[in-house]
Every structure is written in structure tokens, then in C-alpha cells.
Amino acid sequence: MGKNSHQEAIKFWQQIEKEIGKEILGKEMCEYRSGYSDLEPRTWGLLYFTDSSLYFQTFPKKSFWSSLLGGSQNEYSGEVRRFQICWDSVKEIKLPSQKKSFLSKLLLPDYQVSIKFQQDGIDKILILLIYSHSTRENIVQCFQEYQHKNIL
């Protein structure tokens, strides 16, 4: 990553923190699978979290035809979409099981994270594919710290 790209990344995250009014504690690219209205399954985006919420943000996509025909780099469709799930609406986070058997080494790894939450009084389950083990663990830790802080 060049110096200019690194500076742009820093500015990007500073802008996000300014918009949401919180320090971002962790971030990762991940794949949305299901559980949130008006978002297409298998959508890639940025997952980031603070001490009070989890966020997922998509980006405009380059159209299939522009990609195929070599159109301009500025031909994107859609808009940036961001949704927020406050930790106080989360009921449970399920991580992939840690398989330790001999056969598990032959199977594909499981990256699916299920987040059970309530929205407008309705129970929902957000399904994300988070490929980084440490990010999965950090999300659970942040959620548990939120619960602990708000129980006391």
C-alpha cells in the first residue's frame, strides 16, 4: 500500500468515526448473507464495531456490463448503504464451532457468524461470513464487555 493510499484509508476511517460519533474498535471486510431487510444476499462490505454498536456498510458496485466491456472506472450503480445494530438489541452471537477432530482437517472451514437481534420488536438473525478468526473473537468480546458494563 502506497503512502497516499494509506493516508486515504486513515482519512476514510476518521470520516466514518466522525459520522457515527464513536471510536471504531475493529473492522474487517466480510460477506453479508441474510437477516437484514433490503440488502441482497452475498453482498460484500465493511463490518466495523464500536463499544455500543455493530455496523455493516456496502459500496456502489461496478455494473456487470461496464466490467465486461471495459467501461470507465466511474460507472458504478447503487449507493453506499450502512446499517447499525446496537449491542443492546443483540441477544446472542454464535461463532463457528471449533472442530478438533481428524476429519475436520479435511472439511472446508466455517466462517459463518450468526447474530440474533431484535428490530422493531421482531427477532431476526443476521448471517455474516467473517473470514478473520481474530475479528470474530473481537466482536464477541466487545459485545460481552457491553453486556457486562450495562449489567453493573
C-alpha atoms as a PDB file:
ATOM      1  CA  MET A   1       0.000   0.000   0.000  1.00  0.00           C
ATOM      2  CA  GLY A   2       1.499   3.322  -1.034  1.00  0.00           C
ATOM      3  CA  LYS A   3       1.802   6.279   1.288  1.00  0.00           C
ATOM      4  CA  ASN A   4      -1.059   8.079  -0.473  1.00  0.00           C
ATOM      5  CA  SER A   5      -3.364   5.033  -0.171  1.00  0.00           C
ATOM      6  CA  HIS A   6      -2.506   4.704   3.499  1.00  0.00           C
ATOM      7  CA  GLN A   7      -3.341   8.386   4.081  1.00  0.00           C
ATOM      8  CA  GLU A   8      -6.651   7.944   2.230  1.00  0.00           C
ATOM      9  CA  ALA A   9      -7.523   4.941   4.404  1.00  0.00           C
ATOM     10  CA  ILE A  10      -6.797   6.930   7.571  1.00  0.00           C
ATOM     11  CA  LYS A  11      -8.982   9.805   6.339  1.00  0.00           C
ATOM     12  CA  PHE A  12     -11.764   7.357   5.384  1.00  0.00           C
ATOM     13  CA  TRP A  13     -11.886   5.826   8.877  1.00  0.00           C
ATOM     14  CA  GLN A  14     -11.639   9.234  10.550  1.00  0.00           C
ATOM     15  CA  GLN A  15     -14.638  10.355   8.484  1.00  0.00           C
ATOM     16  CA  ILE A  16     -16.633   7.242   9.492  1.00  0.00           C
ATOM     17  CA  GLU A  17     -15.827   7.858  13.164  1.00  0.00           C
ATOM     18  CA  LYS A  18     -16.941  11.469  12.776  1.00  0.00           C
ATOM     19  CA  GLU A  19     -20.222  10.377  11.136  1.00  0.00           C
ATOM     20  CA  ILE A  20     -21.098   7.776  13.779  1.00  0.00           C
ATOM     21  CA  GLY A  21     -19.688   9.761  16.703  1.00  0.00           C
ATOM     22  CA  LYS A  22     -17.767   6.814  18.143  1.00  0.00           C
ATOM     23  CA  GLU A  23     -14.291   5.307  18.025  1.00  0.00           C
ATOM     24  CA  ILE A  24     -14.104   2.207  15.831  1.00  0.00           C
ATOM     25  CA  LEU A  25     -12.685  -0.704  17.823  1.00  0.00           C
ATOM     26  CA  GLY A  26     -12.439  -3.203  14.964  1.00  0.00           C
ATOM     27  CA  LYS A  27     -13.030  -3.513  11.243  1.00  0.00           C
ATOM     28  CA  GLU A  28     -12.974  -6.166   8.543  1.00  0.00           C
ATOM     29  CA  MET A  29     -14.222  -6.941   5.065  1.00  0.00           C
ATOM     30  CA  CYS A  30     -16.942  -9.559   5.224  1.00  0.00           C
ATOM     31  CA  GLU A  31     -19.813 -11.031   3.270  1.00  0.00           C
ATOM     32  CA  TYR A  32     -23.450 -10.398   4.194  1.00  0.00           C
ATOM     33  CA  ARG A  33     -25.653 -13.488   3.725  1.00  0.00           C
ATOM     34  CA  SER A  34     -29.049 -12.704   5.245  1.00  0.00           C
ATOM     35  CA  GLY A  35     -31.062 -11.201   8.071  1.00  0.00           C
ATOM     36  CA  TYR A  36     -31.406  -7.535   7.254  1.00  0.00           C
ATOM     37  CA  SER A  37     -34.164  -6.126   5.081  1.00  0.00           C
ATOM     38  CA  ASP A  38     -33.466  -4.535   1.688  1.00  0.00           C
ATOM     39  CA  LEU A  39     -29.977  -5.939   1.251  1.00  0.00           C
ATOM     40  CA  GLU A  40     -29.044  -8.504  -1.393  1.00  0.00           C
ATOM     41  CA  PRO A  41     -27.524 -11.780  -0.120  1.00  0.00           C
ATOM     42  CA  ARG A  42     -23.846 -12.359  -0.909  1.00  0.00           C
ATOM     43  CA  THR A  43     -23.044  -8.659  -0.648  1.00  0.00           C
ATOM     44  CA  TRP A  44     -19.504  -7.730   0.326  1.00  0.00           C
ATOM     45  CA  GLY A  45     -18.902  -4.789   2.598  1.00  0.00           C
ATOM     46  CA  LEU A  46     -17.139  -3.379   5.600  1.00  0.00           C
ATOM     47  CA  LEU A  47     -18.003  -4.609   9.051  1.00  0.00           C
ATOM     48  CA  TYR A  48     -16.941  -2.351  11.904  1.00  0.00           C
ATOM     49  CA  PHE A  49     -17.898  -2.053  15.534  1.00  0.00           C
ATOM     50  CA  THR A  50     -17.762   0.323  18.449  1.00  0.00           C
ATOM     51  CA  ASP A  51     -18.368  -0.095  22.169  1.00  0.00           C
ATOM     52  CA  SER A  52     -22.114   0.325  21.533  1.00  0.00           C
ATOM     53  CA  SER A  53     -22.908  -0.942  18.009  1.00  0.00           C
ATOM     54  CA  LEU A  54     -22.066  -3.136  15.051  1.00  0.00           C
ATOM     55  CA  TYR A  55     -22.147  -1.630  11.534  1.00  0.00           C
ATOM     56  CA  PHE A  56     -22.141  -3.063   8.027  1.00  0.00           C
ATOM     57  CA  GLN A  57     -21.537  -0.805   5.039  1.00  0.00           C
ATOM     58  CA  THR A  58     -21.828  -1.608   1.352  1.00  0.00           C
ATOM     59  CA  PHE A  59     -20.450   0.285  -1.607  1.00  0.00           C
ATOM     60  CA  PRO A  60     -21.737   1.102  -5.073  1.00  0.00           C
ATOM     61  CA  LYS A  61     -20.995  -1.743  -7.474  1.00  0.00           C
ATOM     62  CA  LYS A  62     -19.496  -1.530 -10.891  1.00  0.00           C
ATOM     63  CA  SER A  63     -22.110  -2.724 -13.361  1.00  0.00           C
ATOM     64  CA  PHE A  64     -21.613  -6.127 -14.950  1.00  0.00           C
ATOM     65  CA  TRP A  65     -21.651  -4.649 -18.456  1.00  0.00           C
ATOM     66  CA  SER A  66     -19.093  -1.972 -17.608  1.00  0.00           C
ATOM     67  CA  SER A  67     -16.798  -4.615 -16.145  1.00  0.00           C
ATOM     68  CA  LEU A  68     -17.234  -6.901 -19.137  1.00  0.00           C
ATOM     69  CA  LEU A  69     -16.852  -4.220 -21.802  1.00  0.00           C
ATOM     70  CA  GLY A  70     -14.097  -2.301 -20.036  1.00  0.00           C
ATOM     71  CA  GLY A  71     -16.139   0.809 -19.291  1.00  0.00           C
ATOM     72  CA  SER A  72     -14.968   3.781 -17.314  1.00  0.00           C
ATOM     73  CA  GLN A  73     -13.941   3.242 -13.689  1.00  0.00           C
ATOM     74  CA  ASN A  74     -16.586   5.789 -12.676  1.00  0.00           C
ATOM     75  CA  GLU A  75     -19.554   3.730 -13.914  1.00  0.00           C
ATOM     76  CA  TYR A  76     -20.939   2.459 -10.617  1.00  0.00           C
ATOM     77  CA  SER A  77     -24.532   1.681  -9.715  1.00  0.00           C
ATOM     78  CA  GLY A  78     -26.286   1.759  -6.385  1.00  0.00           C
ATOM     79  CA  GLU A  79     -25.397   3.756  -3.339  1.00  0.00           C
ATOM     80  CA  VAL A  80     -23.473   3.369  -0.133  1.00  0.00           C
ATOM     81  CA  ARG A  81     -25.660   1.581   2.406  1.00  0.00           C
ATOM     82  CA  ARG A  82     -24.966   1.315   6.099  1.00  0.00           C
ATOM     83  CA  PHE A  83     -26.914  -0.388   8.804  1.00  0.00           C
ATOM     84  CA  GLN A  84     -26.349  -0.364  12.529  1.00  0.00           C
ATOM     85  CA  ILE A  85     -27.250  -2.918  15.169  1.00  0.00           C
ATOM     86  CA  CYS A  86     -26.913  -1.611  18.712  1.00  0.00           C
ATOM     87  CA  TRP A  87     -25.405  -4.057  21.181  1.00  0.00           C
ATOM     88  CA  ASP A  88     -28.437  -3.599  23.445  1.00  0.00           C
ATOM     89  CA  SER A  89     -30.653  -5.184  20.752  1.00  0.00           C
ATOM     90  CA  VAL A  90     -28.324  -8.190  20.295  1.00  0.00           C
ATOM     91  CA  LYS A  91     -29.444 -11.313  22.122  1.00  0.00           C
ATOM     92  CA  GLU A  92     -26.770 -13.798  21.058  1.00  0.00           C
ATOM     93  CA  ILE A  93     -23.737 -14.194  18.794  1.00  0.00           C
ATOM     94  CA  LYS A  94     -22.865 -17.654  17.506  1.00  0.00           C
ATOM     95  CA  LEU A  95     -19.434 -18.315  16.099  1.00  0.00           C
ATOM     96  CA  PRO A  96     -18.427 -21.324  14.015  1.00  0.00           C
ATOM     97  CA  SER A  97     -17.660 -24.342  16.163  1.00  0.00           C
ATOM     98  CA  GLN A  98     -14.020 -25.190  16.732  1.00  0.00           C
ATOM     99  CA  LYS A  99     -13.641 -28.582  15.063  1.00  0.00           C
ATOM    100  CA  LYS A 100     -10.777 -30.566  16.507  1.00  0.00           C
ATOM    101  CA  SER A 101     -11.335 -33.997  15.018  1.00  0.00           C
ATOM    102  CA  PHE A 102      -9.120 -35.609  12.410  1.00  0.00           C
ATOM    103  CA  LEU A 103     -11.887 -35.348   9.798  1.00  0.00           C
ATOM    104  CA  SER A 104     -12.297 -31.615  10.388  1.00  0.00           C
ATOM    105  CA  LYS A 105      -8.928 -31.056   8.713  1.00  0.00           C
ATOM    106  CA  LEU A 106     -10.454 -32.452   5.515  1.00  0.00           C
ATOM    107  CA  LEU A 107     -13.527 -30.199   5.615  1.00  0.00           C
ATOM    108  CA  LEU A 108     -13.800 -26.611   4.466  1.00  0.00           C
ATOM    109  CA  PRO A 109     -13.574 -24.081   7.284  1.00  0.00           C
ATOM    110  CA  ASP A 110     -16.763 -22.477   8.569  1.00  0.00           C
ATOM    111  CA  TYR A 111     -16.752 -18.682   8.693  1.00  0.00           C
ATOM    112  CA  GLN A 112     -20.451 -18.084   9.358  1.00  0.00           C
ATOM    113  CA  VAL A 113     -21.360 -15.837  12.272  1.00  0.00           C
ATOM    114  CA  SER A 114     -24.989 -15.604  13.406  1.00  0.00           C
ATOM    115  CA  ILE A 115     -26.113 -12.543  15.319  1.00  0.00           C
ATOM    116  CA  LYS A 116     -29.557 -12.807  16.887  1.00  0.00           C
ATOM    117  CA  PHE A 117     -31.043  -9.363  17.455  1.00  0.00           C
ATOM    118  CA  GLN A 118     -34.354  -7.564  17.798  1.00  0.00           C
ATOM    119  CA  GLN A 119     -35.551  -4.899  15.374  1.00  0.00           C
ATOM    120  CA  ASP A 120     -38.902  -3.183  15.841  1.00  0.00           C
ATOM    121  CA  GLY A 121     -39.912  -5.909  18.306  1.00  0.00           C
ATOM    122  CA  ILE A 122     -39.172  -8.713  15.828  1.00  0.00           C
ATOM    123  CA  ASP A 123     -36.436 -11.314  16.381  1.00  0.00           C
ATOM    124  CA  LYS A 124     -34.012 -11.519  13.460  1.00  0.00           C
ATOM    125  CA  ILE A 125     -30.796 -13.358  12.715  1.00  0.00           C
ATOM    126  CA  LEU A 126     -28.050 -11.623  10.796  1.00  0.00           C
ATOM    127  CA  ILE A 127     -25.740 -14.030   8.968  1.00  0.00           C
ATOM    128  CA  LEU A 128     -22.269 -12.819   8.005  1.00  0.00           C
ATOM    129  CA  LEU A 129     -19.202 -14.608   6.703  1.00  0.00           C
ATOM    130  CA  ILE A 130     -16.264 -13.211   8.654  1.00  0.00           C
ATOM    131  CA  TYR A 131     -13.036 -14.777   7.497  1.00  0.00           C
ATOM    132  CA  SER A 132     -10.757 -13.462  10.237  1.00  0.00           C
ATOM    133  CA  HIS A 133     -10.804 -15.573  13.398  1.00  0.00           C
ATOM    134  CA  SER A 134      -9.482 -12.670  15.484  1.00  0.00           C
ATOM    135  CA  THR A 135     -12.218 -10.323  14.214  1.00  0.00           C
ATOM    136  CA  ARG A 136     -14.898 -12.876  15.129  1.00  0.00           C
ATOM    137  CA  GLU A 137     -13.418 -13.165  18.624  1.00  0.00           C
ATOM    138  CA  ASN A 138     -13.113  -9.368  18.993  1.00  0.00           C
ATOM    139  CA  ILE A 139     -16.779  -8.861  18.084  1.00  0.00           C
ATOM    140  CA  VAL A 140     -17.870 -11.325  20.757  1.00  0.00           C
ATOM    141  CA  GLN A 141     -15.520  -9.739  23.290  1.00  0.00           C
ATOM    142  CA  CYS A 142     -16.843  -6.248  22.525  1.00  0.00           C
ATOM    143  CA  PHE A 143     -20.450  -7.484  22.864  1.00  0.00           C
ATOM    144  CA  GLN A 144     -19.661  -9.220  26.173  1.00  0.00           C
ATOM    145  CA  GLU A 145     -17.936  -6.113  27.541  1.00  0.00           C
ATOM    146  CA  TYR A 146     -21.004  -4.059  26.589  1.00  0.00           C
ATOM    147  CA  GLN A 147     -23.272  -6.528  28.399  1.00  0.00           C
ATOM    148  CA  HIS A 148     -21.039  -6.592  31.477  1.00  0.00           C
ATOM    149  CA  LYS A 149     -20.784  -2.798  31.627  1.00  0.00           C
ATOM    150  CA  ASN A 150     -24.565  -2.387  31.328  1.00  0.00           C
ATOM    151  CA  ILE A 151     -25.494  -5.097  33.839  1.00  0.00           C
ATOM    152  CA  LEU A 152     -23.481  -3.481  36.638  1.00  0.00           C
END
